[in-house]
């Protein structure tokens, strides 16, 4: 399979952000992004480090707030409330996963919709699905961009998203449909997705299980977007078993270096757009 280079795409997005921010050098404030990190999940810390580095590169002021895994949910909600009214902060991100006793819904809905640069707030998803998006989820937009860089005609293609989150699959489905792709979602906890995946021209895996999807379950010539980031024998791997697909015809995003860098860049772009709406 041909590798879809996420770093190259992310670099192009970051260059655009950097140029746009330079136009506002006369402004008193720079774009500001507040990130809340809870616990010691390795992948979460890696992603936050990537966001910090990328924000510094483009000129966005990133403020990180770290909590231990034992923090009370109320304390995190109080911080979000404070960031919602902070005029120096234009975007708020809570890094997932959360501690088990947290309510993901409460955390997401506590973020002001105009500062929800992840695009997870129900109001933002509702606006997107109604065709009047204000904030497009960076992960979904990044995936579509990765697919489009293959240069393949997308109209009439079949896509399968293997995931257990409607917050993820809903916006992605809408964006793919706008590109002429018919999408179906499959929850691996409830269904056998293999028969569906063999028919998919585009396969998106976002399960969080190392090397779950093998080459025998993938259609030759497919575009494979591997969203998963896992550790296996101390090494980062995706949800797709790369060894079993690398010699097949088609395209695939590597782990690391595929979806991650593009998602980070799209998050920063959403932060810039939020800033631009307020100046």
C-alpha atoms as a PDB file:
ATOM      1  CA  UNK A   1       0.000   0.000   0.000  1.00  0.00           C
ATOM      2  CA  UNK A   2       1.090   3.562  -0.668  1.00  0.00           C
ATOM      3  CA  UNK A   3       1.696   5.640   2.447  1.00  0.00           C
ATOM      4  CA  UNK A   4      -0.431   8.763   2.973  1.00  0.00           C
ATOM      5  CA  UNK A   5       2.011  11.225   4.541  1.00  0.00           C
ATOM      6  CA  UNK A   6       0.199  13.057   7.329  1.00  0.00           C
ATOM      7  CA  UNK A   7       3.236  15.154   8.247  1.00  0.00           C
ATOM      8  CA  UNK A   8       3.361  16.677   4.759  1.00  0.00           C
ATOM      9  CA  UNK A   9      -0.334  17.601   4.819  1.00  0.00           C
ATOM     10  CA  UNK A  10      -0.066  18.988   8.352  1.00  0.00           C
ATOM     11  CA  UNK A  11       2.902  21.154   7.348  1.00  0.00           C
ATOM     12  CA  UNK A  12       0.849  22.758   4.577  1.00  0.00           C
ATOM     13  CA  UNK A  13      -2.005  23.538   7.004  1.00  0.00           C
ATOM     14  CA  UNK A  14       0.381  24.966   9.606  1.00  0.00           C
ATOM     15  CA  UNK A  15       2.048  27.196   7.026  1.00  0.00           C
ATOM     16  CA  UNK A  16      -1.367  28.639   6.157  1.00  0.00           C
ATOM     17  CA  UNK A  17      -2.137  29.238   9.858  1.00  0.00           C
ATOM     18  CA  UNK A  18       1.217  30.914  10.423  1.00  0.00           C
ATOM     19  CA  UNK A  19       0.710  33.298   7.494  1.00  0.00           C
ATOM     20  CA  UNK A  20      -2.790  34.208   8.655  1.00  0.00           C
ATOM     21  CA  UNK A  21      -1.628  34.877  12.211  1.00  0.00           C
ATOM     22  CA  UNK A  22       1.079  37.230  10.902  1.00  0.00           C
ATOM     23  CA  UNK A  23      -1.707  39.436   9.525  1.00  0.00           C
ATOM     24  CA  UNK A  24      -2.856  40.064  13.094  1.00  0.00           C
ATOM     25  CA  UNK A  25       0.536  41.062  14.506  1.00  0.00           C
ATOM     26  CA  UNK A  26      -0.897  44.531  15.256  1.00  0.00           C
ATOM     27  CA  UNK A  27      -3.546  43.011  17.519  1.00  0.00           C
ATOM     28  CA  UNK A  28      -3.013  43.096  21.281  1.00  0.00           C
ATOM     29  CA  UNK A  29      -3.861  39.398  21.684  1.00  0.00           C
ATOM     30  CA  UNK A  30      -2.677  36.250  19.963  1.00  0.00           C
ATOM     31  CA  UNK A  31      -4.903  33.218  19.431  1.00  0.00           C
ATOM     32  CA  UNK A  32      -5.064  31.246  22.690  1.00  0.00           C
ATOM     33  CA  UNK A  33      -5.761  27.548  23.240  1.00  0.00           C
ATOM     34  CA  UNK A  34      -6.420  25.997  26.650  1.00  0.00           C
ATOM     35  CA  UNK A  35      -5.794  22.257  27.002  1.00  0.00           C
ATOM     36  CA  UNK A  36      -6.882  20.154  29.975  1.00  0.00           C
ATOM     37  CA  UNK A  37      -4.968  16.911  30.519  1.00  0.00           C
ATOM     38  CA  UNK A  38      -6.090  14.419  33.159  1.00  0.00           C
ATOM     39  CA  UNK A  39      -4.118  11.384  34.299  1.00  0.00           C
ATOM     40  CA  UNK A  40      -1.085   9.633  32.863  1.00  0.00           C
ATOM     41  CA  UNK A  41      -2.388   7.995  29.678  1.00  0.00           C
ATOM     42  CA  UNK A  42       0.672   7.750  27.425  1.00  0.00           C
ATOM     43  CA  UNK A  43      -1.109   8.476  24.134  1.00  0.00           C
ATOM     44  CA  UNK A  44      -2.820  11.534  25.658  1.00  0.00           C
ATOM     45  CA  UNK A  45       0.498  12.986  26.779  1.00  0.00           C
ATOM     46  CA  UNK A  46       1.995  12.354  23.336  1.00  0.00           C
ATOM     47  CA  UNK A  47      -0.890  14.145  21.617  1.00  0.00           C
ATOM     48  CA  UNK A  48      -0.726  17.115  23.992  1.00  0.00           C
ATOM     49  CA  UNK A  49       3.030  17.406  23.419  1.00  0.00           C
ATOM     50  CA  UNK A  50       2.388  17.403  19.665  1.00  0.00           C
ATOM     51  CA  UNK A  51      -0.213  20.144  20.096  1.00  0.00           C
ATOM     52  CA  UNK A  52       2.158  22.241  22.196  1.00  0.00           C
ATOM     53  CA  UNK A  53       4.951  21.948  19.661  1.00  0.00           C
ATOM     54  CA  UNK A  54       2.672  22.735  16.708  1.00  0.00           C
ATOM     55  CA  UNK A  55       1.063  25.707  18.494  1.00  0.00           C
ATOM     56  CA  UNK A  56       4.497  27.174  19.183  1.00  0.00           C
ATOM     57  CA  UNK A  57       5.452  26.735  15.518  1.00  0.00           C
ATOM     58  CA  UNK A  58       2.465  28.707  14.201  1.00  0.00           C
ATOM     59  CA  UNK A  59       2.213  31.397  16.893  1.00  0.00           C
ATOM     60  CA  UNK A  60      -0.732  30.179  18.982  1.00  0.00           C
ATOM     61  CA  UNK A  61      -0.443  30.627  22.743  1.00  0.00           C
ATOM     62  CA  UNK A  62      -1.176  27.221  24.291  1.00  0.00           C
ATOM     63  CA  UNK A  63      -1.870  26.972  28.027  1.00  0.00           C
ATOM     64  CA  UNK A  64      -1.782  23.459  29.504  1.00  0.00           C
ATOM     65  CA  UNK A  65      -3.680  22.529  32.670  1.00  0.00           C
ATOM     66  CA  UNK A  66      -2.713  19.145  34.139  1.00  0.00           C
ATOM     67  CA  UNK A  67      -4.598  17.121  36.744  1.00  0.00           C
ATOM     68  CA  UNK A  68      -3.962  13.755  38.352  1.00  0.00           C
ATOM     69  CA  UNK A  69      -6.295  10.866  37.526  1.00  0.00           C
ATOM     70  CA  UNK A  70      -7.883  11.230  40.979  1.00  0.00           C
ATOM     71  CA  UNK A  71      -9.103  14.802  40.436  1.00  0.00           C
ATOM     72  CA  UNK A  72     -12.787  15.443  41.112  1.00  0.00           C
ATOM     73  CA  UNK A  73     -14.895  16.112  38.026  1.00  0.00           C
ATOM     74  CA  UNK A  74     -16.237  19.274  39.668  1.00  0.00           C
ATOM     75  CA  UNK A  75     -12.759  20.790  39.768  1.00  0.00           C
ATOM     76  CA  UNK A  76     -12.333  20.241  36.020  1.00  0.00           C
ATOM     77  CA  UNK A  77     -15.787  21.706  35.334  1.00  0.00           C
ATOM     78  CA  UNK A  78     -14.855  24.785  37.394  1.00  0.00           C
ATOM     79  CA  UNK A  79     -11.739  25.282  35.262  1.00  0.00           C
ATOM     80  CA  UNK A  80     -13.735  24.939  32.033  1.00  0.00           C
ATOM     81  CA  UNK A  81     -16.197  27.548  33.324  1.00  0.00           C
ATOM     82  CA  UNK A  82     -13.284  29.901  33.975  1.00  0.00           C
ATOM     83  CA  UNK A  83     -11.774  29.307  30.518  1.00  0.00           C
ATOM     84  CA  UNK A  84     -15.173  29.919  28.891  1.00  0.00           C
ATOM     85  CA  UNK A  85     -15.041  33.541  30.073  1.00  0.00           C
ATOM     86  CA  UNK A  86     -11.291  34.093  29.600  1.00  0.00           C
ATOM     87  CA  UNK A  87     -10.870  36.546  26.712  1.00  0.00           C
ATOM     88  CA  UNK A  88      -7.302  35.323  26.137  1.00  0.00           C
ATOM     89  CA  UNK A  89      -8.545  31.800  25.371  1.00  0.00           C
ATOM     90  CA  UNK A  90     -10.239  31.174  22.009  1.00  0.00           C
ATOM     91  CA  UNK A  91     -10.313  27.390  22.084  1.00  0.00           C
ATOM     92  CA  UNK A  92     -10.724  24.773  24.812  1.00  0.00           C
ATOM     93  CA  UNK A  93      -9.723  21.115  24.516  1.00  0.00           C
ATOM     94  CA  UNK A  94     -10.168  18.366  27.089  1.00  0.00           C
ATOM     95  CA  UNK A  95      -7.873  15.503  26.145  1.00  0.00           C
ATOM     96  CA  UNK A  96      -9.581  12.110  26.081  1.00  0.00           C
ATOM     97  CA  UNK A  97      -9.792   9.481  27.510  1.00  0.00           C
ATOM     98  CA  UNK A  98     -11.245  10.700  30.809  1.00  0.00           C
ATOM     99  CA  UNK A  99     -11.182   8.941  34.187  1.00  0.00           C
ATOM    100  CA  UNK A 100     -13.857   6.232  34.408  1.00  0.00           C
ATOM    101  CA  UNK A 101     -16.018   8.103  36.901  1.00  0.00           C
ATOM    102  CA  UNK A 102     -16.235  11.205  34.678  1.00  0.00           C
ATOM    103  CA  UNK A 103     -19.213  11.984  32.462  1.00  0.00           C
ATOM    104  CA  UNK A 104     -17.925  12.609  28.946  1.00  0.00           C
ATOM    105  CA  UNK A 105     -21.230  14.284  28.080  1.00  0.00           C
ATOM    106  CA  UNK A 106     -20.992  16.717  31.011  1.00  0.00           C
ATOM    107  CA  UNK A 107     -17.434  17.660  30.118  1.00  0.00           C
ATOM    108  CA  UNK A 108     -18.220  18.233  26.435  1.00  0.00           C
ATOM    109  CA  UNK A 109     -21.402  20.228  27.043  1.00  0.00           C
ATOM    110  CA  UNK A 110     -19.704  22.417  29.666  1.00  0.00           C
ATOM    111  CA  UNK A 111     -17.424  23.925  27.012  1.00  0.00           C
ATOM    112  CA  UNK A 112     -18.798  27.076  25.376  1.00  0.00           C
ATOM    113  CA  UNK A 113     -19.821  26.065  21.813  1.00  0.00           C
ATOM    114  CA  UNK A 114     -17.832  28.932  20.268  1.00  0.00           C
ATOM    115  CA  UNK A 115     -14.675  27.698  22.057  1.00  0.00           C
ATOM    116  CA  UNK A 116     -15.267  24.004  21.329  1.00  0.00           C
ATOM    117  CA  UNK A 117     -12.486  23.706  18.763  1.00  0.00           C
ATOM    118  CA  UNK A 118     -12.710  19.892  18.784  1.00  0.00           C
ATOM    119  CA  UNK A 119     -16.246  20.297  17.428  1.00  0.00           C
ATOM    120  CA  UNK A 120     -17.749  17.767  19.866  1.00  0.00           C
ATOM    121  CA  UNK A 121     -20.422  19.975  21.481  1.00  0.00           C
ATOM    122  CA  UNK A 122     -23.966  18.835  20.545  1.00  0.00           C
ATOM    123  CA  UNK A 123     -24.801  22.326  19.261  1.00  0.00           C
ATOM    124  CA  UNK A 124     -21.842  22.248  16.878  1.00  0.00           C
ATOM    125  CA  UNK A 125     -22.616  18.723  15.665  1.00  0.00           C
ATOM    126  CA  UNK A 126     -26.272  19.653  15.172  1.00  0.00           C
ATOM    127  CA  UNK A 127     -25.270  22.718  13.141  1.00  0.00           C
ATOM    128  CA  UNK A 128     -22.915  20.633  11.009  1.00  0.00           C
ATOM    129  CA  UNK A 129     -25.499  17.944  10.267  1.00  0.00           C
ATOM    130  CA  UNK A 130     -28.024  20.670   9.414  1.00  0.00           C
ATOM    131  CA  UNK A 131     -25.633  22.033   6.789  1.00  0.00           C
ATOM    132  CA  UNK A 132     -24.701  25.226   8.639  1.00  0.00           C
ATOM    133  CA  UNK A 133     -21.415  24.368  10.345  1.00  0.00           C
ATOM    134  CA  UNK A 134     -19.682  26.879  12.587  1.00  0.00           C
ATOM    135  CA  UNK A 135     -16.956  24.529  13.818  1.00  0.00           C
ATOM    136  CA  UNK A 136     -16.094  21.360  11.885  1.00  0.00           C
ATOM    137  CA  UNK A 137     -14.527  18.593  14.004  1.00  0.00           C
ATOM    138  CA  UNK A 138     -10.810  18.580  13.244  1.00  0.00           C
ATOM    139  CA  UNK A 139     -10.501  14.793  13.265  1.00  0.00           C
ATOM    140  CA  UNK A 140     -13.315  14.297  10.754  1.00  0.00           C
ATOM    141  CA  UNK A 141     -12.121  17.135   8.509  1.00  0.00           C
ATOM    142  CA  UNK A 142      -8.563  15.811   8.676  1.00  0.00           C
ATOM    143  CA  UNK A 143      -9.648  12.310   7.675  1.00  0.00           C
ATOM    144  CA  UNK A 144     -11.488  13.620   4.627  1.00  0.00           C
ATOM    145  CA  UNK A 145      -8.410  15.633   3.664  1.00  0.00           C
ATOM    146  CA  UNK A 146      -6.206  12.537   3.975  1.00  0.00           C
ATOM    147  CA  UNK A 147      -8.598  10.574   1.761  1.00  0.00           C
ATOM    148  CA  UNK A 148      -8.697  13.338  -0.848  1.00  0.00           C
ATOM    149  CA  UNK A 149      -4.900  13.499  -1.123  1.00  0.00           C
ATOM    150  CA  UNK A 150      -4.895  10.056  -2.754  1.00  0.00           C
ATOM    151  CA  UNK A 151      -6.325  11.749  -5.846  1.00  0.00           C
ATOM    152  CA  UNK A 152      -8.978   9.060  -6.246  1.00  0.00           C
ATOM    153  CA  UNK A 153     -12.485   9.854  -7.451  1.00  0.00           C
ATOM    154  CA  UNK A 154     -14.712   9.649  -4.386  1.00  0.00           C
ATOM    155  CA  UNK A 155     -18.171  10.001  -5.895  1.00  0.00           C
ATOM    156  CA  UNK A 156     -20.057   6.730  -5.588  1.00  0.00           C
ATOM    157  CA  UNK A 157     -17.490   5.073  -3.319  1.00  0.00           C
ATOM    158  CA  UNK A 158     -18.477   3.023  -0.269  1.00  0.00           C
ATOM    159  CA  UNK A 159     -16.924   3.876   3.086  1.00  0.00           C
ATOM    160  CA  UNK A 160     -17.023   1.881   6.295  1.00  0.00           C
ATOM    161  CA  UNK A 161     -16.180   3.467   9.626  1.00  0.00           C
ATOM    162  CA  UNK A 162     -15.349   0.942  12.335  1.00  0.00           C
ATOM    163  CA  UNK A 163     -15.788   2.851  15.584  1.00  0.00           C
ATOM    164  CA  UNK A 164     -17.744   2.855  18.812  1.00  0.00           C
ATOM    165  CA  UNK A 165     -18.429   6.593  18.986  1.00  0.00           C
ATOM    166  CA  UNK A 166     -21.324   8.376  17.272  1.00  0.00           C
ATOM    167  CA  UNK A 167     -19.700  11.700  18.158  1.00  0.00           C
ATOM    168  CA  UNK A 168     -16.954  10.649  15.739  1.00  0.00           C
ATOM    169  CA  UNK A 169     -18.873   8.754  13.046  1.00  0.00           C
ATOM    170  CA  UNK A 170     -21.762  11.246  12.698  1.00  0.00           C
ATOM    171  CA  UNK A 171     -19.735  14.289  11.566  1.00  0.00           C
ATOM    172  CA  UNK A 172     -17.416  12.131   9.450  1.00  0.00           C
ATOM    173  CA  UNK A 173     -20.405  10.566   7.709  1.00  0.00           C
ATOM    174  CA  UNK A 174     -21.799  13.995   6.877  1.00  0.00           C
ATOM    175  CA  UNK A 175     -18.495  15.231   5.438  1.00  0.00           C
ATOM    176  CA  UNK A 176     -18.022  12.060   3.376  1.00  0.00           C
ATOM    177  CA  UNK A 177     -21.546  12.327   2.000  1.00  0.00           C
ATOM    178  CA  UNK A 178     -20.771  15.906   0.956  1.00  0.00           C
ATOM    179  CA  UNK A 179     -17.871  14.448  -1.052  1.00  0.00           C
ATOM    180  CA  UNK A 180     -20.186  11.935  -2.746  1.00  0.00           C
ATOM    181  CA  UNK A 181     -19.288   8.944  -0.573  1.00  0.00           C
ATOM    182  CA  UNK A 182     -21.872   6.593   0.906  1.00  0.00           C
ATOM    183  CA  UNK A 183     -20.821   5.795   4.475  1.00  0.00           C
ATOM    184  CA  UNK A 184     -21.820   3.035   6.852  1.00  0.00           C
ATOM    185  CA  UNK A 185     -20.763   2.789  10.495  1.00  0.00           C
ATOM    186  CA  UNK A 186     -20.068  -0.445  12.333  1.00  0.00           C
ATOM    187  CA  UNK A 187     -19.567  -0.828  16.089  1.00  0.00           C
ATOM    188  CA  UNK A 188     -17.152  -3.750  16.604  1.00  0.00           C
ATOM    189  CA  UNK A 189     -18.559  -4.318  20.100  1.00  0.00           C
ATOM    190  CA  UNK A 190     -21.985  -5.063  18.652  1.00  0.00           C
ATOM    191  CA  UNK A 191     -21.427  -6.403  15.133  1.00  0.00           C
ATOM    192  CA  UNK A 192     -19.105  -8.463  12.973  1.00  0.00           C
ATOM    193  CA  UNK A 193     -17.595  -5.773  10.764  1.00  0.00           C
ATOM    194  CA  UNK A 194     -15.384  -8.038   8.632  1.00  0.00           C
ATOM    195  CA  UNK A 195     -17.905  -8.834   5.904  1.00  0.00           C
ATOM    196  CA  UNK A 196     -18.677  -5.135   5.509  1.00  0.00           C
ATOM    197  CA  UNK A 197     -15.015  -4.122   5.477  1.00  0.00           C
ATOM    198  CA  UNK A 198     -14.239  -6.444   2.559  1.00  0.00           C
ATOM    199  CA  UNK A 199     -16.649  -4.407   0.405  1.00  0.00           C
ATOM    200  CA  UNK A 200     -15.458  -0.958   1.470  1.00  0.00           C
ATOM    201  CA  UNK A 201     -13.555   1.293  -0.934  1.00  0.00           C
ATOM    202  CA  UNK A 202     -12.640   3.457   2.061  1.00  0.00           C
ATOM    203  CA  UNK A 203     -12.026   1.972   5.500  1.00  0.00           C
ATOM    204  CA  UNK A 204     -11.671   4.121   8.620  1.00  0.00           C
ATOM    205  CA  UNK A 205     -10.593   2.294  11.787  1.00  0.00           C
ATOM    206  CA  UNK A 206     -11.055   4.073  15.126  1.00  0.00           C
ATOM    207  CA  UNK A 207     -11.421   1.354  17.728  1.00  0.00           C
ATOM    208  CA  UNK A 208      -8.370   1.541  19.967  1.00  0.00           C
ATOM    209  CA  UNK A 209      -7.454  -2.141  19.674  1.00  0.00           C
ATOM    210  CA  UNK A 210      -3.942  -2.913  18.404  1.00  0.00           C
ATOM    211  CA  UNK A 211      -3.780  -4.562  14.975  1.00  0.00           C
ATOM    212  CA  UNK A 212      -7.430  -5.643  15.171  1.00  0.00           C
ATOM    213  CA  UNK A 213      -8.031  -5.400  11.418  1.00  0.00           C
ATOM    214  CA  UNK A 214      -6.085  -7.774   9.184  1.00  0.00           C
ATOM    215  CA  UNK A 215      -5.390  -7.639   5.469  1.00  0.00           C
ATOM    216  CA  UNK A 216      -7.868 -10.441   4.762  1.00  0.00           C
ATOM    217  CA  UNK A 217     -10.658  -8.088   5.895  1.00  0.00           C
ATOM    218  CA  UNK A 218      -9.668  -5.272   3.531  1.00  0.00           C
ATOM    219  CA  UNK A 219     -10.650  -4.820  -0.095  1.00  0.00           C
ATOM    220  CA  UNK A 220      -7.629  -4.653  -2.457  1.00  0.00           C
ATOM    221  CA  UNK A 221      -7.158  -1.079  -3.659  1.00  0.00           C
ATOM    222  CA  UNK A 222      -8.929   0.423  -0.648  1.00  0.00           C
ATOM    223  CA  UNK A 223      -8.026   3.675   1.086  1.00  0.00           C
ATOM    224  CA  UNK A 224      -7.337   2.802   4.731  1.00  0.00           C
ATOM    225  CA  UNK A 225      -7.374   5.509   7.403  1.00  0.00           C
ATOM    226  CA  UNK A 226      -5.979   4.171  10.678  1.00  0.00           C
ATOM    227  CA  UNK A 227      -7.062   6.439  13.535  1.00  0.00           C
ATOM    228  CA  UNK A 228      -5.930   4.085  16.308  1.00  0.00           C
ATOM    229  CA  UNK A 229      -2.865   4.699  18.441  1.00  0.00           C
ATOM    230  CA  UNK A 230      -1.888   1.749  20.623  1.00  0.00           C
ATOM    231  CA  UNK A 231       1.201   0.169  22.171  1.00  0.00           C
ATOM    232  CA  UNK A 232       2.219  -3.381  21.332  1.00  0.00           C
ATOM    233  CA  UNK A 233       5.480  -4.767  22.720  1.00  0.00           C
ATOM    234  CA  UNK A 234       6.548  -1.214  23.497  1.00  0.00           C
ATOM    235  CA  UNK A 235       5.995   0.096  19.958  1.00  0.00           C
ATOM    236  CA  UNK A 236       3.216   2.352  18.607  1.00  0.00           C
ATOM    237  CA  UNK A 237       0.782   0.522  16.324  1.00  0.00           C
ATOM    238  CA  UNK A 238      -2.589   1.294  14.815  1.00  0.00           C
ATOM    239  CA  UNK A 239      -5.885  -0.576  14.716  1.00  0.00           C
ATOM    240  CA  UNK A 240      -4.824  -2.072  11.382  1.00  0.00           C
ATOM    241  CA  UNK A 241      -2.182  -4.808  11.179  1.00  0.00           C
ATOM    242  CA  UNK A 242       0.219  -3.008   8.846  1.00  0.00           C
ATOM    243  CA  UNK A 243       2.361  -6.087   8.183  1.00  0.00           C
ATOM    244  CA  UNK A 244      -0.622  -7.902   6.675  1.00  0.00           C
ATOM    245  CA  UNK A 245      -1.637  -5.024   4.373  1.00  0.00           C
ATOM    246  CA  UNK A 246       1.639  -3.401   3.300  1.00  0.00           C
ATOM    247  CA  UNK A 247       1.959  -5.492   0.122  1.00  0.00           C
ATOM    248  CA  UNK A 248      -1.667  -4.994  -0.939  1.00  0.00           C
ATOM    249  CA  UNK A 249      -2.675  -2.393  -3.553  1.00  0.00           C
ATOM    250  CA  UNK A 250      -4.203   0.729  -2.051  1.00  0.00           C
ATOM    251  CA  UNK A 251      -3.352   3.543   0.360  1.00  0.00           C
ATOM    252  CA  UNK A 252      -2.893   3.673   4.134  1.00  0.00           C
ATOM    253  CA  UNK A 253      -2.081   6.213   6.837  1.00  0.00           C
ATOM    254  CA  UNK A 254       0.865   5.125   9.010  1.00  0.00           C
ATOM    255  CA  UNK A 255       0.907   5.053  12.805  1.00  0.00           C
ATOM    256  CA  UNK A 256       2.479   7.309  13.862  1.00  0.00           C
ATOM    257  CA  UNK A 257       2.673  10.027  11.197  1.00  0.00           C
ATOM    258  CA  UNK A 258      -0.743   9.732   9.578  1.00  0.00           C
ATOM    259  CA  UNK A 259      -3.955  10.953  11.190  1.00  0.00           C
ATOM    260  CA  UNK A 260      -2.346  12.481  14.300  1.00  0.00           C
ATOM    261  CA  UNK A 261      -0.382  15.379  12.749  1.00  0.00           C
ATOM    262  CA  UNK A 262      -3.293  16.383  10.499  1.00  0.00           C
ATOM    263  CA  UNK A 263      -5.784  16.329  13.382  1.00  0.00           C
ATOM    264  CA  UNK A 264      -3.495  18.564  15.436  1.00  0.00           C
ATOM    265  CA  UNK A 265      -3.146  21.013  12.537  1.00  0.00           C
ATOM    266  CA  UNK A 266      -6.927  21.129  12.011  1.00  0.00           C
ATOM    267  CA  UNK A 267      -7.429  21.797  15.729  1.00  0.00           C
ATOM    268  CA  UNK A 268      -5.093  24.783  15.501  1.00  0.00           C
ATOM    269  CA  UNK A 269      -6.939  25.988  12.402  1.00  0.00           C
ATOM    270  CA  UNK A 270     -10.223  25.864  14.335  1.00  0.00           C
ATOM    271  CA  UNK A 271      -8.579  27.854  17.152  1.00  0.00           C
ATOM    272  CA  UNK A 272      -7.473  30.501  14.663  1.00  0.00           C
ATOM    273  CA  UNK A 273     -10.982  30.690  13.183  1.00  0.00           C
ATOM    274  CA  UNK A 274     -12.445  31.143  16.672  1.00  0.00           C
ATOM    275  CA  UNK A 275      -9.954  33.954  17.286  1.00  0.00           C
ATOM    276  CA  UNK A 276     -10.818  35.597  13.961  1.00  0.00           C
ATOM    277  CA  UNK A 277     -14.515  35.629  14.850  1.00  0.00           C
ATOM    278  CA  UNK A 278     -13.746  37.651  17.978  1.00  0.00           C
ATOM    279  CA  UNK A 279     -11.430  40.370  16.660  1.00  0.00           C
END
